[in-house]
N, C-alpha and C. Protein backbone atom coordinates (compact mmCIF):
# COMPACT_ATOMS: atom_id res chain seq x y z
N MET A 1 96.38 128.39 112.32
CA MET A 1 96.39 127.25 111.43
C MET A 1 97.68 127.18 110.70
N ASP A 2 98.22 125.90 110.57
CA ASP A 2 99.52 125.85 109.90
C ASP A 2 99.33 124.77 108.70
N THR A 3 100.05 124.87 107.59
CA THR A 3 100.03 123.83 106.75
C THR A 3 101.46 123.17 106.77
N ARG A 4 101.70 121.89 106.54
CA ARG A 4 102.87 121.23 106.53
C ARG A 4 102.67 119.83 105.81
N ALA A 5 103.82 119.24 105.52
CA ALA A 5 103.79 117.93 104.88
C ALA A 5 103.24 116.91 105.79
N TYR A 6 102.63 115.93 105.18
CA TYR A 6 102.06 114.76 105.88
C TYR A 6 103.14 114.12 106.51
N GLN A 7 102.87 113.59 107.84
CA GLN A 7 103.75 112.68 108.51
C GLN A 7 103.01 111.41 108.81
N PRO A 8 103.74 110.31 108.90
CA PRO A 8 103.05 109.04 109.24
C PRO A 8 102.13 109.02 110.46
N THR A 9 102.45 109.92 111.42
CA THR A 9 101.60 110.14 112.61
C THR A 9 100.22 110.65 112.30
N ASP A 10 100.10 111.21 111.10
CA ASP A 10 98.82 111.73 110.58
C ASP A 10 97.88 110.78 110.09
N ARG A 11 98.37 109.53 109.92
CA ARG A 11 97.52 108.54 109.18
C ARG A 11 96.23 108.35 109.56
N GLU A 12 95.91 108.05 110.86
CA GLU A 12 94.64 107.79 111.19
C GLU A 12 93.60 108.94 111.15
N ALA A 13 94.21 110.16 111.46
CA ALA A 13 93.36 111.37 111.40
C ALA A 13 93.12 111.69 109.87
N LEU A 14 94.05 111.42 108.99
CA LEU A 14 93.70 111.71 107.56
C LEU A 14 92.81 110.74 107.06
N ILE A 15 92.86 109.49 107.50
CA ILE A 15 91.88 108.38 107.05
C ILE A 15 90.47 108.83 107.41
N ALA A 16 90.35 109.21 108.68
CA ALA A 16 89.04 109.67 109.20
C ALA A 16 88.52 110.83 108.42
N LEU A 17 89.34 111.80 108.16
CA LEU A 17 88.96 112.92 107.41
C LEU A 17 88.40 112.66 106.01
N TRP A 18 89.21 111.84 105.33
CA TRP A 18 88.74 111.57 103.89
C TRP A 18 87.58 110.63 103.89
N GLU A 19 87.40 109.77 104.94
CA GLU A 19 86.18 108.98 104.90
C GLU A 19 85.00 109.90 105.12
N LYS A 20 85.12 110.87 106.11
CA LYS A 20 84.07 111.67 106.37
C LYS A 20 83.66 112.66 105.26
N VAL A 21 84.73 113.23 104.56
CA VAL A 21 84.43 114.16 103.53
C VAL A 21 84.14 113.52 102.12
N PHE A 22 84.61 112.24 101.98
CA PHE A 22 84.28 111.58 100.63
C PHE A 22 83.73 110.14 101.03
N PRO A 23 82.51 110.14 101.60
CA PRO A 23 81.92 108.93 102.13
C PRO A 23 81.49 107.99 100.89
N ASP A 24 81.42 108.50 99.78
CA ASP A 24 80.96 107.67 98.56
C ASP A 24 82.00 107.37 97.56
N ASP A 25 83.36 107.50 97.94
CA ASP A 25 84.34 107.28 97.05
C ASP A 25 84.42 105.86 96.68
N PRO A 26 84.79 105.45 95.53
CA PRO A 26 84.83 104.00 95.11
C PRO A 26 85.93 103.33 95.87
N PRO A 27 85.86 102.00 95.80
CA PRO A 27 86.85 101.19 96.67
C PRO A 27 88.25 101.47 96.27
N HIS A 28 88.60 101.74 95.02
CA HIS A 28 89.94 102.04 94.67
C HIS A 28 90.51 103.24 95.29
N ASN A 29 89.65 104.08 95.87
CA ASN A 29 90.04 105.28 96.46
C ASN A 29 90.15 105.17 98.02
N LYS A 30 90.17 103.96 98.47
CA LYS A 30 90.15 103.85 100.09
C LYS A 30 91.35 104.57 100.61
N PRO A 31 91.14 105.37 101.59
CA PRO A 31 92.22 106.31 102.11
C PRO A 31 93.36 105.54 102.60
N ALA A 32 93.33 104.46 103.33
CA ALA A 32 94.50 103.68 103.77
C ALA A 32 95.32 103.20 102.55
N GLN A 33 94.71 102.80 101.50
CA GLN A 33 95.47 102.39 100.43
C GLN A 33 96.13 103.58 99.79
N MET A 34 95.42 104.59 99.58
CA MET A 34 96.07 105.75 98.79
C MET A 34 97.19 106.33 99.54
N ILE A 35 97.11 106.47 100.88
CA ILE A 35 98.06 107.03 101.73
C ILE A 35 99.42 106.10 101.59
N GLU A 36 99.27 104.93 101.77
CA GLU A 36 100.42 104.07 101.53
C GLU A 36 101.08 104.07 100.18
N ALA A 37 100.27 104.04 99.12
CA ALA A 37 100.76 104.04 97.81
C ALA A 37 101.44 105.45 97.54
N LYS A 38 100.76 106.48 98.06
CA LYS A 38 101.38 107.87 97.70
C LYS A 38 102.70 108.06 98.54
N ALA A 39 102.84 107.52 99.73
CA ALA A 39 103.94 107.84 100.53
C ALA A 39 105.19 107.07 99.83
N LYS A 40 104.93 106.06 99.10
CA LYS A 40 106.13 105.33 98.32
C LYS A 40 106.56 106.13 97.35
N VAL A 41 105.82 107.13 96.72
CA VAL A 41 106.11 107.77 95.46
C VAL A 41 106.77 109.06 95.79
N ASP A 42 106.23 109.90 96.62
CA ASP A 42 106.81 111.21 96.89
C ASP A 42 106.20 111.84 98.07
N GLY A 43 106.63 112.92 98.46
CA GLY A 43 106.09 113.77 99.62
C GLY A 43 105.11 114.74 99.37
N LEU A 44 104.24 114.57 98.41
CA LEU A 44 103.34 115.64 97.95
C LEU A 44 101.93 115.41 98.58
N MET A 45 101.89 115.23 99.92
CA MET A 45 100.65 115.18 100.61
C MET A 45 100.90 116.18 101.74
N PHE A 46 99.80 116.94 101.96
CA PHE A 46 100.00 118.11 102.92
C PHE A 46 98.75 118.24 103.81
N VAL A 47 98.97 118.60 104.98
CA VAL A 47 97.81 118.80 105.96
C VAL A 47 97.76 120.17 106.59
N ALA A 48 96.65 120.56 107.04
CA ALA A 48 96.41 121.76 107.69
C ALA A 48 96.05 121.38 109.06
N GLU A 49 96.57 122.03 110.07
CA GLU A 49 96.43 121.77 111.48
C GLU A 49 96.03 122.99 112.25
N ASP A 50 95.20 122.76 113.15
CA ASP A 50 94.74 123.84 114.15
C ASP A 50 94.88 123.33 115.45
N GLU A 51 95.78 123.97 116.23
CA GLU A 51 95.93 123.62 117.70
C GLU A 51 96.12 122.11 117.78
N GLY A 52 97.06 121.47 116.87
CA GLY A 52 97.37 120.04 117.04
C GLY A 52 96.34 119.07 116.30
N ARG A 53 95.28 119.67 115.84
CA ARG A 53 94.20 118.80 115.17
C ARG A 53 94.28 118.93 113.72
N LEU A 54 94.31 117.81 113.03
CA LEU A 54 94.34 117.81 111.58
C LEU A 54 92.91 118.29 111.07
N ILE A 55 92.80 119.30 110.49
CA ILE A 55 91.60 119.93 109.88
C ILE A 55 91.43 120.03 108.39
N GLY A 56 92.47 119.53 107.64
CA GLY A 56 92.37 119.50 106.16
C GLY A 56 93.50 118.82 105.60
N ALA A 57 93.41 118.42 104.32
CA ALA A 57 94.58 117.75 103.69
C ALA A 57 94.27 117.93 102.22
N ILE A 58 95.51 117.73 101.58
CA ILE A 58 95.50 117.70 100.08
C ILE A 58 96.59 116.81 99.58
N MET A 59 96.34 116.05 98.44
CA MET A 59 97.29 115.33 97.93
C MET A 59 97.53 115.89 96.47
N ALA A 60 98.90 116.04 96.24
CA ALA A 60 99.21 116.47 94.88
C ALA A 60 100.14 115.47 94.13
N GLY A 61 100.14 115.58 92.79
CA GLY A 61 101.05 114.81 92.05
C GLY A 61 101.82 115.56 90.97
N TYR A 62 102.88 114.98 90.53
CA TYR A 62 103.68 115.55 89.53
C TYR A 62 104.28 114.61 88.66
N ASP A 63 104.14 114.67 87.27
CA ASP A 63 104.58 113.71 86.41
C ASP A 63 105.81 114.09 85.68
N GLY A 64 106.39 115.32 86.11
CA GLY A 64 107.47 115.91 85.33
C GLY A 64 107.03 116.99 84.33
N HIS A 65 105.79 116.86 84.01
CA HIS A 65 105.28 117.90 83.13
C HIS A 65 104.01 118.70 83.65
N ARG A 66 103.13 118.06 84.19
CA ARG A 66 101.94 118.75 84.79
C ARG A 66 101.74 118.23 86.23
N GLY A 67 101.18 119.09 86.96
CA GLY A 67 100.85 118.81 88.42
C GLY A 67 99.46 118.44 88.53
N TRP A 68 99.02 117.80 89.58
CA TRP A 68 97.53 117.46 89.77
C TRP A 68 97.38 117.60 91.26
N LEU A 69 95.99 118.14 91.54
CA LEU A 69 95.48 118.15 93.00
C LEU A 69 94.46 117.05 93.11
N TYR A 70 94.51 116.39 94.12
CA TYR A 70 93.55 115.30 94.50
C TYR A 70 93.13 115.41 95.94
N GLU A 71 91.97 114.90 96.15
CA GLU A 71 91.57 114.72 97.65
C GLU A 71 91.61 115.96 98.46
N VAL A 72 91.17 117.00 98.04
CA VAL A 72 91.23 118.23 98.82
C VAL A 72 90.10 118.13 99.85
N ALA A 73 90.41 118.09 101.10
CA ALA A 73 89.40 117.83 102.13
C ALA A 73 89.59 118.74 103.33
N VAL A 74 88.53 119.23 103.77
CA VAL A 74 88.48 120.12 105.07
C VAL A 74 87.42 119.74 105.99
N GLU A 75 87.82 119.61 107.22
CA GLU A 75 86.66 119.30 108.21
C GLU A 75 85.51 120.23 108.11
N PRO A 76 84.24 119.69 107.94
CA PRO A 76 83.03 120.49 107.70
C PRO A 76 83.03 121.79 108.53
N GLU A 77 83.38 121.67 109.93
CA GLU A 77 83.17 122.91 110.71
C GLU A 77 84.31 123.91 110.46
N PHE A 78 85.24 123.60 109.57
CA PHE A 78 86.31 124.62 109.15
C PHE A 78 86.12 125.07 107.67
N CYS A 79 85.04 124.57 107.12
CA CYS A 79 84.86 124.93 105.71
C CYS A 79 84.44 126.56 105.67
N ARG A 80 84.89 127.14 104.56
CA ARG A 80 84.76 128.64 104.35
C ARG A 80 85.39 129.51 105.42
N LYS A 81 86.55 128.94 105.84
CA LYS A 81 87.41 129.72 106.85
C LYS A 81 88.80 129.84 106.26
N GLY A 82 89.10 129.64 105.00
CA GLY A 82 90.32 129.67 104.46
C GLY A 82 91.28 128.46 104.49
N VAL A 83 90.78 127.44 104.99
CA VAL A 83 91.64 126.22 105.14
C VAL A 83 91.95 125.67 103.78
N GLY A 84 90.89 125.38 103.01
CA GLY A 84 91.01 124.94 101.56
C GLY A 84 91.91 125.72 100.78
N THR A 85 91.68 127.10 100.80
CA THR A 85 92.47 127.99 99.99
C THR A 85 93.94 127.88 100.35
N LYS A 86 94.20 127.88 101.64
CA LYS A 86 95.59 127.68 102.23
C LYS A 86 96.27 126.46 101.81
N LEU A 87 95.51 125.32 101.73
CA LEU A 87 96.05 124.06 101.28
C LEU A 87 96.40 124.02 99.86
N VAL A 88 95.37 124.59 99.04
CA VAL A 88 95.62 124.65 97.50
C VAL A 88 96.84 125.53 97.23
N LYS A 89 96.97 126.72 97.82
CA LYS A 89 98.05 127.52 97.56
C LYS A 89 99.31 126.89 97.91
N HIS A 90 99.33 126.26 99.13
CA HIS A 90 100.56 125.51 99.64
C HIS A 90 100.98 124.45 98.59
N ALA A 91 100.07 123.66 98.12
CA ALA A 91 100.35 122.61 97.22
C ALA A 91 100.73 123.10 95.95
N VAL A 92 100.17 124.28 95.35
CA VAL A 92 100.69 124.76 94.18
C VAL A 92 102.11 125.34 94.26
N ARG A 93 102.46 125.92 95.33
CA ARG A 93 103.77 126.43 95.65
C ARG A 93 104.73 125.39 95.59
N GLN A 94 104.43 124.21 96.21
CA GLN A 94 105.36 123.13 96.33
C GLN A 94 105.52 122.47 94.89
N LEU A 95 104.53 122.46 94.08
CA LEU A 95 104.66 121.81 92.68
C LEU A 95 105.35 122.88 91.92
N GLN A 96 105.24 124.18 92.07
CA GLN A 96 106.00 125.18 91.31
C GLN A 96 107.49 125.09 91.74
N ALA A 97 107.78 124.86 92.91
CA ALA A 97 109.14 124.76 93.32
C ALA A 97 109.91 123.55 92.78
N ILE A 98 109.15 122.56 92.30
CA ILE A 98 109.85 121.37 91.64
C ILE A 98 109.74 121.48 90.20
N GLY A 99 109.31 122.50 89.58
CA GLY A 99 109.45 122.77 88.22
C GLY A 99 108.05 122.63 87.44
N CYS A 100 107.03 122.46 88.11
CA CYS A 100 105.68 122.33 87.50
C CYS A 100 105.25 123.74 86.94
N VAL A 101 104.73 123.69 85.79
CA VAL A 101 104.22 124.87 85.01
C VAL A 101 102.77 124.88 85.02
N LYS A 102 102.03 123.81 85.10
CA LYS A 102 100.52 123.82 85.08
C LYS A 102 99.94 122.79 86.07
N VAL A 103 98.99 123.19 86.63
CA VAL A 103 98.42 122.27 87.67
C VAL A 103 96.94 122.04 87.33
N ASN A 104 96.50 120.76 87.27
CA ASN A 104 95.21 120.29 86.89
C ASN A 104 94.54 119.73 88.18
N LEU A 105 93.10 119.66 87.94
CA LEU A 105 92.35 118.92 88.98
C LEU A 105 91.12 118.52 88.22
N GLN A 106 90.44 117.50 88.76
CA GLN A 106 89.10 117.20 88.14
C GLN A 106 88.17 117.28 89.42
N VAL A 107 86.88 117.52 88.97
CA VAL A 107 85.76 117.64 89.92
C VAL A 107 84.73 116.61 89.43
N THR A 108 84.16 115.74 90.40
CA THR A 108 83.21 114.85 89.90
C THR A 108 81.90 115.65 89.66
N SER A 109 81.09 115.10 88.89
CA SER A 109 79.93 115.82 88.48
C SER A 109 78.91 115.90 89.62
N THR A 110 79.10 115.05 90.67
CA THR A 110 78.18 115.16 91.89
C THR A 110 78.76 116.20 92.83
N ASN A 111 79.97 116.73 92.58
CA ASN A 111 80.56 117.72 93.43
C ASN A 111 80.77 119.08 92.77
N SER A 112 79.92 119.33 91.83
CA SER A 112 80.22 120.64 91.09
C SER A 112 80.06 121.82 91.90
N GLN A 113 79.45 121.89 92.89
CA GLN A 113 79.43 123.08 93.79
C GLN A 113 80.81 123.63 94.21
N VAL A 114 81.82 122.81 94.11
CA VAL A 114 83.25 123.29 94.41
C VAL A 114 83.94 124.03 93.25
N VAL A 115 83.22 124.14 92.11
CA VAL A 115 83.82 124.77 91.00
C VAL A 115 84.18 126.25 91.44
N ASP A 116 83.22 126.91 92.04
CA ASP A 116 83.41 128.34 92.47
C ASP A 116 84.59 128.62 93.32
N PHE A 117 84.76 127.48 94.26
CA PHE A 117 86.00 127.69 95.13
C PHE A 117 87.25 127.55 94.30
N TYR A 118 87.30 126.55 93.42
CA TYR A 118 88.60 126.48 92.57
C TYR A 118 88.79 127.59 91.70
N THR A 119 87.66 128.20 91.13
CA THR A 119 87.86 129.49 90.39
C THR A 119 88.34 130.59 91.23
N SER A 120 87.90 130.58 92.45
CA SER A 120 88.40 131.67 93.33
C SER A 120 90.03 131.55 93.58
N VAL A 121 90.57 130.48 93.48
CA VAL A 121 92.02 130.27 93.70
C VAL A 121 92.73 130.22 92.37
N GLY A 122 92.05 130.52 91.33
CA GLY A 122 92.81 130.75 90.12
C GLY A 122 92.60 129.71 88.94
N PHE A 123 91.91 128.62 89.17
CA PHE A 123 91.60 127.59 88.25
C PHE A 123 90.60 128.00 87.28
N VAL A 124 90.67 127.50 86.07
CA VAL A 124 89.52 127.81 85.08
C VAL A 124 89.04 126.43 84.53
N VAL A 125 87.72 126.41 84.15
CA VAL A 125 87.22 125.23 83.54
C VAL A 125 87.78 125.16 82.12
N GLU A 126 88.19 123.93 81.77
CA GLU A 126 88.80 123.68 80.44
C GLU A 126 87.92 122.71 79.69
N ASP A 127 87.84 122.82 78.46
CA ASP A 127 87.05 122.09 77.64
C ASP A 127 87.69 120.66 77.49
N ARG A 128 87.45 119.68 78.32
CA ARG A 128 88.16 118.45 78.18
C ARG A 128 87.19 117.18 78.50
N ILE A 129 87.49 116.11 77.94
CA ILE A 129 86.75 115.04 78.36
C ILE A 129 87.65 114.05 79.26
N SER A 130 87.19 113.75 80.34
CA SER A 130 88.18 112.99 81.31
C SER A 130 87.76 111.54 81.15
N MET A 131 88.82 110.72 80.95
CA MET A 131 88.59 109.27 80.86
C MET A 131 89.53 108.55 81.80
N GLY A 132 89.13 107.40 82.22
CA GLY A 132 89.90 106.65 83.12
C GLY A 132 89.84 105.14 82.87
N ARG A 133 90.57 104.29 83.49
CA ARG A 133 90.55 102.85 83.35
C ARG A 133 91.12 102.24 84.67
N LEU A 134 90.36 101.46 85.34
CA LEU A 134 90.77 100.78 86.42
C LEU A 134 91.49 99.56 86.03
N LEU A 135 92.63 99.24 86.73
CA LEU A 135 93.40 98.15 86.50
C LEU A 135 93.30 96.96 87.63
């Protein structure tokens, strides 16, 4: 398994993966829109590949102060085989290389079972209230 930067040729496979792993995402998180918008900003999307097949992906962000992880997805048949760990560590290294000193992520309340995974790769639960606003 290899991790690498997202390439435009990964688009259809990435859309399919995100739609499979996040079937209930709200309309503003449609994969095709997110990919196009993110590609215009920076190169902080990464994929995991196994024998030429896209099996995982992660999107990261950096605002010059803090980094963020978004949309960490792994093909179900590859879960618990180190793919997610490798993707998170790869993204964190890339963020650190551009000067990031802290990485954040959010977990939806309906996906709380992933908290143990993120704890295993060094994240801690912080006392925060998350707020957002759609535009």
